[in-house]
N, C-alpha and C. Protein backbone atom coordinates (compact mmCIF):
# COMPACT_ATOMS: atom_id res chain seq x y z
N UNK A 1 1.63 29.20 40.16
CA UNK A 1 2.52 29.14 38.88
C UNK A 1 1.65 29.47 37.44
N UNK A 2 0.39 29.16 37.17
CA UNK A 2 -0.29 29.58 36.07
C UNK A 2 -0.27 31.03 36.03
N UNK A 3 -0.40 31.86 37.18
CA UNK A 3 -0.58 33.05 37.04
C UNK A 3 0.85 33.83 36.87
N UNK A 4 1.68 33.48 37.91
CA UNK A 4 2.98 34.42 37.90
C UNK A 4 4.14 33.55 37.36
N UNK A 5 4.00 32.28 37.00
CA UNK A 5 5.15 31.54 36.45
C UNK A 5 6.04 30.72 37.42
N UNK A 6 6.99 29.98 36.81
CA UNK A 6 7.78 29.05 37.51
C UNK A 6 8.68 29.71 38.51
N UNK A 7 9.26 30.78 38.30
CA UNK A 7 10.23 31.64 39.23
C UNK A 7 9.44 31.86 40.42
N UNK A 8 8.18 32.47 40.29
CA UNK A 8 7.35 32.81 41.52
C UNK A 8 7.02 31.57 42.40
N UNK A 9 6.65 30.49 41.68
CA UNK A 9 6.43 29.32 42.28
C UNK A 9 7.53 28.71 43.25
N UNK A 10 8.74 28.83 42.44
CA UNK A 10 10.02 28.47 43.18
C UNK A 10 10.25 29.12 44.43
N UNK A 11 10.03 30.51 44.23
CA UNK A 11 10.18 31.36 45.47
C UNK A 11 9.13 31.09 46.51
N UNK A 12 8.04 30.72 46.23
CA UNK A 12 6.83 30.46 47.20
C UNK A 12 7.28 29.06 47.89
N UNK A 13 8.01 28.11 47.22
CA UNK A 13 8.51 27.01 47.83
C UNK A 13 9.91 27.10 48.35
N UNK A 14 10.68 28.05 48.04
CA UNK A 14 11.94 28.27 48.69
C UNK A 14 12.08 28.64 50.17
N UNK A 15 13.16 28.47 50.62
CA UNK A 15 13.23 28.99 52.08
C UNK A 15 12.71 30.34 52.31
N UNK A 16 11.92 30.37 53.34
CA UNK A 16 11.21 31.76 53.59
C UNK A 16 9.96 32.03 52.78
N UNK A 17 9.73 31.22 51.65
CA UNK A 17 8.38 31.30 51.00
C UNK A 17 7.21 31.02 51.74
N UNK A 18 6.10 31.45 51.29
CA UNK A 18 5.00 31.21 51.95
C UNK A 18 4.42 29.79 51.94
N UNK A 19 4.86 28.99 50.98
CA UNK A 19 4.41 27.61 50.67
C UNK A 19 5.51 26.64 51.00
N UNK A 20 6.60 27.09 51.72
CA UNK A 20 7.73 26.22 52.01
C UNK A 20 7.16 25.04 52.78
N UNK A 21 7.57 23.77 52.41
CA UNK A 21 7.42 22.67 53.13
C UNK A 21 8.84 22.24 53.85
N UNK A 22 8.67 22.14 55.09
CA UNK A 22 9.97 21.74 55.76
C UNK A 22 10.59 20.51 55.42
N UNK A 23 11.96 20.72 54.99
CA UNK A 23 12.77 19.66 54.59
C UNK A 23 12.63 19.28 53.12
N UNK A 24 11.83 20.06 52.41
CA UNK A 24 11.76 19.80 50.96
C UNK A 24 12.48 20.91 50.37
N UNK A 25 13.55 20.46 49.69
CA UNK A 25 14.64 21.33 49.00
C UNK A 25 14.27 21.44 47.47
N UNK A 26 15.05 22.40 46.72
CA UNK A 26 14.74 22.55 45.32
C UNK A 26 14.93 21.42 44.52
N UNK A 27 15.89 20.41 44.75
CA UNK A 27 15.98 19.24 44.00
C UNK A 27 14.70 18.37 43.95
N UNK A 28 13.88 18.42 45.01
CA UNK A 28 12.59 17.93 44.90
C UNK A 28 11.59 18.62 44.48
N UNK A 29 11.40 19.95 44.99
CA UNK A 29 10.29 20.72 44.50
C UNK A 29 10.30 21.15 43.10
N UNK A 30 11.58 21.21 42.42
CA UNK A 30 11.61 21.60 41.20
C UNK A 30 10.96 20.39 40.18
N UNK A 31 11.14 19.15 40.75
CA UNK A 31 10.55 18.07 40.10
C UNK A 31 9.00 18.25 40.03
N UNK A 32 8.37 18.64 41.24
CA UNK A 32 7.06 19.01 41.40
C UNK A 32 6.65 19.98 40.40
N UNK A 33 7.46 21.12 40.40
CA UNK A 33 7.07 22.14 39.42
C UNK A 33 7.15 21.86 38.02
N UNK A 34 8.07 20.96 37.54
CA UNK A 34 8.22 20.52 36.48
C UNK A 34 6.94 19.77 35.92
N UNK A 35 6.45 18.76 36.88
CA UNK A 35 5.30 18.09 36.68
C UNK A 35 4.07 18.87 36.48
N UNK A 36 4.07 19.81 37.49
CA UNK A 36 2.88 20.70 37.46
C UNK A 36 2.77 21.65 36.24
N UNK A 37 3.78 21.98 35.69
CA UNK A 37 3.84 23.02 34.70
C UNK A 37 3.52 22.35 33.28
N UNK A 38 3.71 20.98 33.14
CA UNK A 38 3.26 20.32 32.00
C UNK A 38 1.92 20.60 31.47
N UNK A 39 1.64 21.04 30.20
CA UNK A 39 0.32 21.35 29.88
C UNK A 39 -0.53 20.16 29.63
N UNK A 40 -0.01 19.00 29.73
CA UNK A 40 -0.84 17.68 29.51
C UNK A 40 -0.89 17.10 28.27
N UNK A 41 -0.25 17.68 27.17
CA UNK A 41 -0.33 17.33 25.92
C UNK A 41 0.94 16.58 25.33
N UNK A 42 1.89 16.21 26.42
CA UNK A 42 3.06 15.75 26.00
C UNK A 42 4.35 16.74 25.87
N UNK A 43 3.80 17.97 25.76
CA UNK A 43 4.89 19.01 25.67
C UNK A 43 5.49 19.43 26.80
N UNK A 44 6.65 20.20 26.83
CA UNK A 44 7.20 20.63 28.14
C UNK A 44 6.76 21.97 28.43
N UNK A 45 6.39 22.16 29.74
CA UNK A 45 6.18 23.58 30.34
C UNK A 45 7.49 24.37 30.59
N UNK A 46 7.29 25.44 31.07
CA UNK A 46 8.43 26.42 31.32
C UNK A 46 9.17 26.03 32.50
N UNK A 47 8.63 25.38 33.56
CA UNK A 47 9.50 24.92 34.84
C UNK A 47 10.38 23.50 34.38
N UNK A 48 11.61 23.65 34.89
CA UNK A 48 12.62 22.63 34.62
C UNK A 48 13.17 22.25 36.07
N UNK A 49 13.76 21.10 36.14
CA UNK A 49 14.48 20.54 37.21
C UNK A 49 15.73 21.36 37.54
N UNK A 50 15.96 21.68 38.73
CA UNK A 50 17.40 22.11 39.22
C UNK A 50 17.94 21.21 40.28
N UNK A 51 18.79 20.47 40.24
CA UNK A 51 19.38 19.64 41.13
C UNK A 51 20.86 19.81 41.31
N UNK A 52 21.38 18.90 42.28
CA UNK A 52 22.89 18.90 42.31
C UNK A 52 23.48 18.68 41.13
N UNK A 53 23.14 17.80 40.27
CA UNK A 53 23.86 17.51 38.94
C UNK A 53 23.73 18.66 37.92
N UNK A 54 22.67 19.23 37.88
CA UNK A 54 22.45 20.41 37.05
C UNK A 54 23.37 21.58 37.51
N UNK A 55 23.40 21.71 38.78
CA UNK A 55 24.32 22.85 39.40
C UNK A 55 25.84 22.44 39.02
N UNK A 56 26.20 21.08 39.16
CA UNK A 56 27.53 20.80 38.90
C UNK A 56 27.90 21.07 37.51
N UNK A 57 26.90 20.80 36.58
CA UNK A 57 27.01 21.00 35.12
C UNK A 57 27.17 22.46 34.82
N UNK A 58 26.20 23.47 35.35
CA UNK A 58 26.29 24.77 35.13
C UNK A 58 27.66 25.37 35.67
N UNK A 59 28.23 24.84 36.78
CA UNK A 59 29.43 25.36 37.13
C UNK A 59 30.63 24.93 36.28
N UNK A 60 30.53 23.89 35.67
CA UNK A 60 31.57 23.35 34.90
C UNK A 60 31.52 23.91 33.40
N UNK A 61 30.28 24.07 32.96
CA UNK A 61 30.19 24.39 31.44
C UNK A 61 30.15 26.00 31.30
N UNK A 62 29.65 26.76 32.41
CA UNK A 62 29.44 28.04 32.29
C UNK A 62 30.13 29.03 33.35
N UNK A 63 30.85 28.29 34.12
CA UNK A 63 31.61 28.83 35.28
C UNK A 63 30.63 29.51 36.22
N UNK A 64 29.52 29.10 36.52
CA UNK A 64 28.77 29.67 37.43
C UNK A 64 29.20 29.17 38.74
N UNK A 65 29.00 29.93 39.88
CA UNK A 65 29.52 29.49 41.18
C UNK A 65 28.37 29.01 42.10
N UNK A 66 27.66 28.15 41.79
CA UNK A 66 26.52 27.46 42.49
C UNK A 66 27.01 26.52 43.55
N UNK A 67 26.34 26.54 44.79
CA UNK A 67 26.58 25.47 45.60
C UNK A 67 26.14 24.44 44.96
N UNK A 68 26.81 23.11 45.25
CA UNK A 68 26.32 21.94 44.64
C UNK A 68 25.11 21.22 45.14
N UNK A 69 24.90 21.49 46.47
CA UNK A 69 23.91 20.64 47.18
C UNK A 69 22.55 21.31 47.18
N UNK A 70 22.44 22.56 47.34
CA UNK A 70 21.20 23.34 47.50
C UNK A 70 21.54 24.92 47.66
N UNK A 71 20.52 25.53 47.97
CA UNK A 71 20.64 26.91 48.33
C UNK A 71 20.58 27.87 47.05
N UNK A 72 20.01 27.37 46.00
CA UNK A 72 19.79 28.22 44.88
C UNK A 72 18.69 29.10 44.97
N UNK A 73 18.88 30.32 44.69
CA UNK A 73 18.03 31.31 44.93
C UNK A 73 16.89 31.38 43.62
N UNK A 74 15.70 31.95 43.79
CA UNK A 74 15.00 32.11 42.64
C UNK A 74 15.44 32.79 41.67
N UNK A 75 16.37 33.76 41.65
CA UNK A 75 16.95 34.36 40.62
C UNK A 75 17.80 33.38 39.89
N UNK A 76 18.61 32.56 40.56
CA UNK A 76 19.43 31.48 39.95
C UNK A 76 18.40 30.59 39.15
N UNK A 77 17.35 30.22 39.78
CA UNK A 77 16.37 29.31 39.01
C UNK A 77 16.08 29.99 37.76
N UNK A 78 15.58 31.32 37.78
CA UNK A 78 15.18 31.91 36.60
C UNK A 78 16.24 32.13 35.66
N UNK A 79 17.44 32.28 35.88
CA UNK A 79 18.61 32.31 35.18
C UNK A 79 18.63 30.96 34.34
N UNK A 80 18.60 29.88 35.27
CA UNK A 80 18.76 28.47 34.64
C UNK A 80 17.65 28.27 33.44
N UNK A 81 16.41 28.75 33.91
CA UNK A 81 15.26 28.48 32.87
C UNK A 81 15.49 29.44 31.69
N UNK A 82 15.95 30.56 31.80
CA UNK A 82 16.41 31.28 30.64
C UNK A 82 17.41 30.74 29.77
N UNK A 83 18.41 30.11 30.31
CA UNK A 83 19.47 29.52 29.66
C UNK A 83 19.03 28.27 28.76
N UNK A 84 18.23 27.41 29.68
CA UNK A 84 17.89 26.11 29.04
C UNK A 84 16.93 26.30 27.89
N UNK A 85 15.88 27.29 28.13
CA UNK A 85 14.82 27.50 27.01
C UNK A 85 15.52 28.32 25.93
N UNK A 86 16.55 29.23 26.12
CA UNK A 86 17.30 29.88 25.07
C UNK A 86 17.98 28.87 24.36
N UNK A 87 18.77 27.89 24.92
CA UNK A 87 19.39 26.83 24.19
C UNK A 87 18.55 26.01 23.33
N UNK A 88 17.42 25.71 23.80
CA UNK A 88 16.42 24.96 23.17
C UNK A 88 15.98 25.64 21.86
N UNK A 89 15.65 26.94 22.06
CA UNK A 89 15.43 27.78 20.87
C UNK A 89 16.50 27.63 19.77
N UNK A 90 17.66 28.04 20.31
CA UNK A 90 18.73 28.16 19.42
C UNK A 90 19.07 26.64 18.66
N UNK A 91 19.02 25.67 19.36
CA UNK A 91 19.11 24.25 18.72
C UNK A 91 18.03 24.03 17.72
N UNK A 92 16.78 24.35 18.08
CA UNK A 92 15.58 24.17 17.20
C UNK A 92 15.92 24.97 15.87
N UNK A 93 16.25 26.15 15.98
CA UNK A 93 16.50 27.19 14.78
C UNK A 93 17.70 26.50 13.95
N UNK A 94 18.81 26.04 14.74
CA UNK A 94 19.97 25.44 13.94
C UNK A 94 19.73 24.19 13.29
N UNK A 95 18.75 23.36 13.85
CA UNK A 95 18.68 22.08 13.32
C UNK A 95 17.47 21.85 12.50
N UNK A 96 16.59 22.85 12.70
CA UNK A 96 15.30 22.70 11.95
C UNK A 96 14.30 21.76 12.60
N UNK A 97 14.62 21.21 13.62
CA UNK A 97 13.97 20.19 14.54
C UNK A 97 13.66 20.74 15.85
N UNK A 98 12.43 20.63 16.31
CA UNK A 98 12.12 21.11 17.53
C UNK A 98 12.86 20.37 18.82
N UNK A 99 13.60 21.14 19.41
CA UNK A 99 14.36 20.78 20.53
C UNK A 99 13.76 21.22 21.83
N UNK A 100 13.35 20.39 22.76
CA UNK A 100 12.58 20.63 23.97
C UNK A 100 13.62 21.23 25.16
N UNK A 101 13.17 22.10 25.84
CA UNK A 101 14.09 22.58 27.11
C UNK A 101 14.33 21.57 27.98
N UNK A 102 13.41 20.48 28.19
CA UNK A 102 13.76 19.46 29.19
C UNK A 102 14.79 18.53 28.43
N UNK A 103 14.97 18.68 27.27
CA UNK A 103 16.08 17.80 26.80
C UNK A 103 17.40 18.34 27.04
N UNK A 104 17.38 19.60 27.21
CA UNK A 104 18.56 20.36 27.48
C UNK A 104 18.92 20.22 29.06
N UNK A 105 17.95 20.27 29.82
CA UNK A 105 17.99 19.84 31.30
C UNK A 105 18.55 18.58 31.31
N UNK A 106 17.98 17.44 30.64
CA UNK A 106 18.60 16.11 30.82
C UNK A 106 20.16 16.09 30.38
N UNK A 107 20.46 16.86 29.32
CA UNK A 107 21.91 16.76 28.95
C UNK A 107 22.83 17.49 30.15
N UNK A 108 22.26 18.58 30.70
CA UNK A 108 23.00 19.17 31.88
C UNK A 108 23.06 18.02 33.12
N UNK A 109 21.85 17.41 33.33
CA UNK A 109 21.84 16.57 34.44
C UNK A 109 22.86 15.32 34.10
N UNK A 110 22.82 14.75 32.98
CA UNK A 110 23.84 13.67 32.71
C UNK A 110 25.26 14.24 32.78
N UNK A 111 25.46 15.35 32.36
CA UNK A 111 26.93 15.89 32.38
C UNK A 111 27.41 15.99 33.77
N UNK A 112 26.47 16.73 34.58
CA UNK A 112 26.82 16.80 36.13
C UNK A 112 27.06 15.49 36.78
N UNK A 113 25.97 14.51 36.54
CA UNK A 113 26.18 13.28 37.02
C UNK A 113 27.37 12.41 36.75
N UNK A 114 27.62 12.52 35.51
CA UNK A 114 29.05 11.96 35.09
C UNK A 114 30.05 12.52 35.83
N UNK A 115 30.21 13.85 35.90
CA UNK A 115 31.32 14.62 36.52
C UNK A 115 31.29 14.03 38.04
N UNK A 116 30.29 14.09 38.63
CA UNK A 116 30.24 13.73 40.00
C UNK A 116 30.69 12.15 40.26
N UNK A 117 30.16 11.23 39.23
CA UNK A 117 30.80 9.78 39.50
C UNK A 117 32.21 9.76 39.14
N UNK A 118 32.79 10.52 38.43
CA UNK A 118 34.26 10.65 38.10
C UNK A 118 35.01 11.06 39.36
N UNK A 119 34.39 11.98 40.05
CA UNK A 119 35.03 12.49 41.21
C UNK A 119 35.04 11.44 42.40
N UNK A 120 33.99 10.79 42.42
CA UNK A 120 33.90 9.56 43.43
C UNK A 120 34.85 8.53 43.21
N UNK A 121 35.00 8.21 41.87
CA UNK A 121 36.01 7.23 41.44
C UNK A 121 37.34 7.58 41.80
N UNK A 122 37.69 8.70 41.42
CA UNK A 122 39.03 9.55 41.76
C UNK A 122 39.35 9.56 43.17
N UNK A 123 38.51 9.91 44.05
CA UNK A 123 38.46 9.96 45.33
C UNK A 123 38.84 8.60 45.94
N UNK A 124 37.97 7.71 45.44
CA UNK A 124 38.01 6.33 45.88
C UNK A 124 39.34 5.58 45.77
N UNK A 125 39.96 5.91 44.48
CA UNK A 125 41.31 5.45 44.03
C UNK A 125 42.34 6.10 44.77
N UNK A 126 42.12 7.28 45.30
CA UNK A 126 43.31 8.16 46.12
C UNK A 126 43.16 7.66 47.51
N UNK A 127 42.13 7.09 48.09
CA UNK A 127 42.06 6.83 49.40
C UNK A 127 42.77 5.64 49.90
């Protein structure tokens, strides 16, 4: 991670990667990468979490076509990091206040989780 960055670390842990751990999927190992990338001073590192709720939000807000449960490529992870860090920079510049990329990630997670919950309620009502 330190030498090659979070996308390379993601690729190493992803299916077929040299450091893949059986049954450990991106939803879990991106949490590990997020923690491992943190510089230790309370700031956010480059790695962020990519899970089903973030995928749902990316599909909804940006019309990405991601599978919702897993199977996100290292390229998709890099695209997500670029988007979130870019949005954090834009919001920081627009507001004059520092906006962390993990705050962007949390907003996407919350949006995707809320969409998922609405789907479950709708499905339950119609059953």
